Amino acid sequence: MADKRIYTTDNDMRRLRGLIESSRESLKANEKYLKALEEELNSATVMKPQEIPPDVVTMNSEVHLRDMDTREETVYRIVFPHQADADKGYISIIAPIGTALLGYRVGDVIEWKVPAGIAKWKVVKITYQPEAAGDFDL
């Protein structure tokens, strides 16, 4: 993941910190992913949901991405682990791509480690962001 300032809502911060704490024991196999999420949160600028810009990826956002190598586009929704469903494009926040996307903006290029090297994806657009839609309690 690149060194870049990310943004999150205070609601997402509270829920994600709770997820990390409650998951330390039950999701022991995912410890490295929880640590990566925690590191991202530690560097985030926290805002009230009503103040977050509509071009920022928040929890439950539907995001259109373009692979910078293949130019292939895909759509993901960033969700909590119990909501993850790859067939629907619902990606867990503790998955490397979920953590990498949180807090980035339309136009940003996200990099993260994958088994084959470094993946680079551009945030093309956000078709749904809860805060922009007035859905503050998701």
C-alpha atoms as a PDB file:
ATOM      1  CA  MET A   1       0.000   0.000   0.000  1.00  0.00           C
ATOM      2  CA  ALA A   2       1.264   3.418  -0.867  1.00  0.00           C
ATOM      3  CA  ASP A   3       2.133   6.081   1.714  1.00  0.00           C
ATOM      4  CA  LYS A   4      -0.818   8.387   1.200  1.00  0.00           C
ATOM      5  CA  ARG A   5      -3.236  10.165   3.519  1.00  0.00           C
ATOM      6  CA  ILE A   6      -6.530   8.306   3.684  1.00  0.00           C
ATOM      7  CA  TYR A   7      -9.890   9.392   5.074  1.00  0.00           C
ATOM      8  CA  THR A   8     -12.522   7.581   7.111  1.00  0.00           C
ATOM      9  CA  THR A   9     -15.644   8.455   9.033  1.00  0.00           C
ATOM     10  CA  ASP A  10     -15.730   8.382  12.804  1.00  0.00           C
ATOM     11  CA  ASN A  11     -18.509   5.752  12.557  1.00  0.00           C
ATOM     12  CA  ASP A  12     -16.352   3.490  10.364  1.00  0.00           C
ATOM     13  CA  MET A  13     -13.331   4.045  12.616  1.00  0.00           C
ATOM     14  CA  ARG A  14     -15.284   3.015  15.715  1.00  0.00           C
ATOM     15  CA  ARG A  15     -16.776  -0.085  14.057  1.00  0.00           C
ATOM     16  CA  LEU A  16     -13.487  -1.149  12.460  1.00  0.00           C
ATOM     17  CA  ARG A  17     -11.516  -0.766  15.695  1.00  0.00           C
ATOM     18  CA  GLY A  18     -14.217  -2.895  17.365  1.00  0.00           C
ATOM     19  CA  LEU A  19     -13.889  -5.489  14.599  1.00  0.00           C
ATOM     20  CA  ILE A  20     -10.129  -5.656  15.103  1.00  0.00           C
ATOM     21  CA  GLU A  21     -10.460  -6.097  18.865  1.00  0.00           C
ATOM     22  CA  SER A  22     -13.213  -8.709  18.706  1.00  0.00           C
ATOM     23  CA  SER A  23     -11.505 -10.612  15.882  1.00  0.00           C
ATOM     24  CA  ARG A  24      -8.041 -10.974  17.422  1.00  0.00           C
ATOM     25  CA  GLU A  25      -8.998 -14.301  18.999  1.00  0.00           C
ATOM     26  CA  SER A  26     -11.692 -15.619  16.683  1.00  0.00           C
ATOM     27  CA  LEU A  27      -9.852 -14.797  13.458  1.00  0.00           C
ATOM     28  CA  LYS A  28      -6.322 -15.722  14.598  1.00  0.00           C
ATOM     29  CA  ALA A  29      -5.456 -16.912  11.088  1.00  0.00           C
ATOM     30  CA  ASN A  30      -6.164 -13.393   9.802  1.00  0.00           C
ATOM     31  CA  GLU A  31      -3.875 -11.618  12.295  1.00  0.00           C
ATOM     32  CA  LYS A  32      -1.616 -10.155   9.598  1.00  0.00           C
ATOM     33  CA  TYR A  33      -4.658  -8.756   7.770  1.00  0.00           C
ATOM     34  CA  LEU A  34      -6.053  -7.281  10.979  1.00  0.00           C
ATOM     35  CA  LYS A  35      -2.680  -5.663  11.638  1.00  0.00           C
ATOM     36  CA  ALA A  36      -2.624  -4.171   8.117  1.00  0.00           C
ATOM     37  CA  LEU A  37      -6.106  -2.724   8.659  1.00  0.00           C
ATOM     38  CA  GLU A  38      -5.057  -1.339  12.029  1.00  0.00           C
ATOM     39  CA  GLU A  39      -2.024   0.354  10.421  1.00  0.00           C
ATOM     40  CA  GLU A  40      -4.252   1.953   7.782  1.00  0.00           C
ATOM     41  CA  LEU A  41      -6.625   3.233  10.462  1.00  0.00           C
ATOM     42  CA  ASN A  42      -3.734   4.657  12.464  1.00  0.00           C
ATOM     43  CA  SER A  43      -2.795   6.876   9.514  1.00  0.00           C
ATOM     44  CA  ALA A  44      -6.336   7.949   8.605  1.00  0.00           C
ATOM     45  CA  THR A  45      -7.858  11.395   8.857  1.00  0.00           C
ATOM     46  CA  VAL A  46     -11.166  10.915  10.708  1.00  0.00           C
ATOM     47  CA  MET A  47     -14.214  12.958   9.706  1.00  0.00           C
ATOM     48  CA  LYS A  48     -17.889  13.096  10.600  1.00  0.00           C
ATOM     49  CA  PRO A  49     -19.985  11.084   8.097  1.00  0.00           C
ATOM     50  CA  GLN A  50     -21.718  14.253   6.881  1.00  0.00           C
ATOM     51  CA  GLU A  51     -18.322  15.832   6.076  1.00  0.00           C
ATOM     52  CA  ILE A  52     -16.664  12.990   4.167  1.00  0.00           C
ATOM     53  CA  PRO A  53     -16.244  13.866   0.468  1.00  0.00           C
ATOM     54  CA  PRO A  54     -18.406  11.761  -1.886  1.00  0.00           C
ATOM     55  CA  ASP A  55     -15.341  10.535  -3.807  1.00  0.00           C
ATOM     56  CA  VAL A  56     -13.828   8.696  -0.794  1.00  0.00           C
ATOM     57  CA  VAL A  57     -14.155   4.914  -0.408  1.00  0.00           C
ATOM     58  CA  THR A  58     -15.881   4.186   2.914  1.00  0.00           C
ATOM     59  CA  MET A  59     -17.382   1.003   4.344  1.00  0.00           C
ATOM     60  CA  ASN A  60     -20.199  -0.351   2.150  1.00  0.00           C
ATOM     61  CA  SER A  61     -19.076   1.749  -0.830  1.00  0.00           C
ATOM     62  CA  GLU A  62     -19.466   0.264  -4.309  1.00  0.00           C
ATOM     63  CA  VAL A  63     -16.241   0.975  -6.172  1.00  0.00           C
ATOM     64  CA  HIS A  64     -15.304   0.611  -9.852  1.00  0.00           C
ATOM     65  CA  LEU A  65     -11.630  -0.262 -10.322  1.00  0.00           C
ATOM     66  CA  ARG A  66      -9.330  -0.580 -13.325  1.00  0.00           C
ATOM     67  CA  ASP A  67      -6.351  -2.909 -13.273  1.00  0.00           C
ATOM     68  CA  MET A  68      -3.453  -0.703 -14.409  1.00  0.00           C
ATOM     69  CA  ASP A  69      -1.730  -3.618 -16.176  1.00  0.00           C
ATOM     70  CA  THR A  70      -4.603  -5.346 -17.973  1.00  0.00           C
ATOM     71  CA  ARG A  71      -7.021  -2.358 -18.149  1.00  0.00           C
ATOM     72  CA  GLU A  72      -9.753  -4.770 -16.991  1.00  0.00           C
ATOM     73  CA  GLU A  73     -12.452  -3.164 -14.844  1.00  0.00           C
ATOM     74  CA  THR A  74     -14.222  -4.688 -11.879  1.00  0.00           C
ATOM     75  CA  VAL A  75     -16.702  -3.608  -9.218  1.00  0.00           C
ATOM     76  CA  TYR A  76     -16.369  -4.310  -5.499  1.00  0.00           C
ATOM     77  CA  ARG A  77     -18.363  -3.394  -2.412  1.00  0.00           C
ATOM     78  CA  ILE A  78     -16.282  -3.098   0.773  1.00  0.00           C
ATOM     79  CA  VAL A  79     -18.085  -4.893   3.620  1.00  0.00           C
ATOM     80  CA  PHE A  80     -17.553  -6.384   7.072  1.00  0.00           C
ATOM     81  CA  PRO A  81     -16.251 -10.001   7.101  1.00  0.00           C
ATOM     82  CA  HIS A  82     -19.638 -11.607   7.853  1.00  0.00           C
ATOM     83  CA  GLN A  83     -21.104  -9.918   4.736  1.00  0.00           C
ATOM     84  CA  ALA A  84     -18.354 -10.976   2.318  1.00  0.00           C
ATOM     85  CA  ASP A  85     -19.568 -12.813  -0.792  1.00  0.00           C
ATOM     86  CA  ALA A  86     -17.130 -13.005  -3.702  1.00  0.00           C
ATOM     87  CA  ASP A  87     -19.912 -14.012  -6.126  1.00  0.00           C
ATOM     88  CA  LYS A  88     -21.630 -10.673  -5.468  1.00  0.00           C
ATOM     89  CA  GLY A  89     -18.374  -8.696  -5.448  1.00  0.00           C
ATOM     90  CA  TYR A  90     -18.679  -8.090  -1.685  1.00  0.00           C
ATOM     91  CA  ILE A  91     -15.102  -7.935  -0.432  1.00  0.00           C
ATOM     92  CA  SER A  92     -14.212  -8.089   3.261  1.00  0.00           C
ATOM     93  CA  ILE A  93     -12.465  -5.091   4.749  1.00  0.00           C
ATOM     94  CA  ILE A  94      -9.836  -7.459   6.172  1.00  0.00           C
ATOM     95  CA  ALA A  95      -9.007  -8.851   2.708  1.00  0.00           C
ATOM     96  CA  PRO A  96      -5.908  -7.110   1.343  1.00  0.00           C
ATOM     97  CA  ILE A  97      -7.873  -5.369  -1.433  1.00  0.00           C
ATOM     98  CA  GLY A  98     -10.547  -4.219   1.030  1.00  0.00           C
ATOM     99  CA  THR A  99      -7.966  -2.733   3.371  1.00  0.00           C
ATOM    100  CA  ALA A 100      -6.080  -1.198   0.451  1.00  0.00           C
ATOM    101  CA  LEU A 101      -9.200   0.565  -0.864  1.00  0.00           C
ATOM    102  CA  LEU A 102     -10.513   2.052   2.372  1.00  0.00           C
ATOM    103  CA  GLY A 103     -10.110   5.815   2.476  1.00  0.00           C
ATOM    104  CA  TYR A 104      -8.799   6.316  -1.036  1.00  0.00           C
ATOM    105  CA  ARG A 105     -10.433   8.630  -3.565  1.00  0.00           C
ATOM    106  CA  VAL A 106     -11.618   8.502  -7.154  1.00  0.00           C
ATOM    107  CA  GLY A 107      -8.553   8.891  -9.362  1.00  0.00           C
ATOM    108  CA  ASP A 108      -6.155   7.342  -6.822  1.00  0.00           C
ATOM    109  CA  VAL A 109      -4.018   4.356  -7.773  1.00  0.00           C
ATOM    110  CA  ILE A 110      -3.811   1.727  -5.057  1.00  0.00           C
ATOM    111  CA  GLU A 111      -0.885  -0.674  -4.794  1.00  0.00           C
ATOM    112  CA  TRP A 112      -0.702  -3.779  -2.645  1.00  0.00           C
ATOM    113  CA  LYS A 113       1.271  -7.002  -2.495  1.00  0.00           C
ATOM    114  CA  VAL A 114      -0.156 -10.088  -4.164  1.00  0.00           C
ATOM    115  CA  PRO A 115       1.501 -13.494  -4.660  1.00  0.00           C
ATOM    116  CA  ALA A 116       2.629 -12.522  -8.178  1.00  0.00           C
ATOM    117  CA  GLY A 117       4.118  -9.166  -7.102  1.00  0.00           C
ATOM    118  CA  ILE A 118       2.484  -5.758  -6.793  1.00  0.00           C
ATOM    119  CA  ALA A 119      -1.073  -5.137  -7.998  1.00  0.00           C
ATOM    120  CA  LYS A 120      -2.010  -1.620  -9.140  1.00  0.00           C
ATOM    121  CA  TRP A 121      -5.640  -0.591  -9.489  1.00  0.00           C
ATOM    122  CA  LYS A 122      -7.140   2.815 -10.156  1.00  0.00           C
ATOM    123  CA  VAL A 123     -10.346   3.942  -8.449  1.00  0.00           C
ATOM    124  CA  VAL A 124     -12.435   4.884 -11.499  1.00  0.00           C
ATOM    125  CA  LYS A 125     -15.685   5.824  -9.754  1.00  0.00           C
ATOM    126  CA  ILE A 126     -17.831   5.219  -6.729  1.00  0.00           C
ATOM    127  CA  THR A 127     -21.390   4.338  -7.663  1.00  0.00           C
ATOM    128  CA  TYR A 128     -22.566   4.117  -4.065  1.00  0.00           C
ATOM    129  CA  GLN A 129     -21.157   5.679  -0.919  1.00  0.00           C
ATOM    130  CA  PRO A 130     -23.446   5.438   2.130  1.00  0.00           C
ATOM    131  CA  GLU A 131     -22.571   8.892   3.433  1.00  0.00           C
ATOM    132  CA  ALA A 132     -23.247  10.586   0.081  1.00  0.00           C
ATOM    133  CA  ALA A 133     -26.600   8.767  -0.041  1.00  0.00           C
ATOM    134  CA  GLY A 134     -27.470   9.890   3.502  1.00  0.00           C
ATOM    135  CA  ASP A 135     -27.205   6.316   4.840  1.00  0.00           C
ATOM    136  CA  PHE A 136     -25.257   7.088   8.010  1.00  0.00           C
ATOM    137  CA  ASP A 137     -26.190   3.987  10.026  1.00  0.00           C
ATOM    138  CA  LEU A 138     -25.047   1.101   7.795  1.00  0.00           C
END
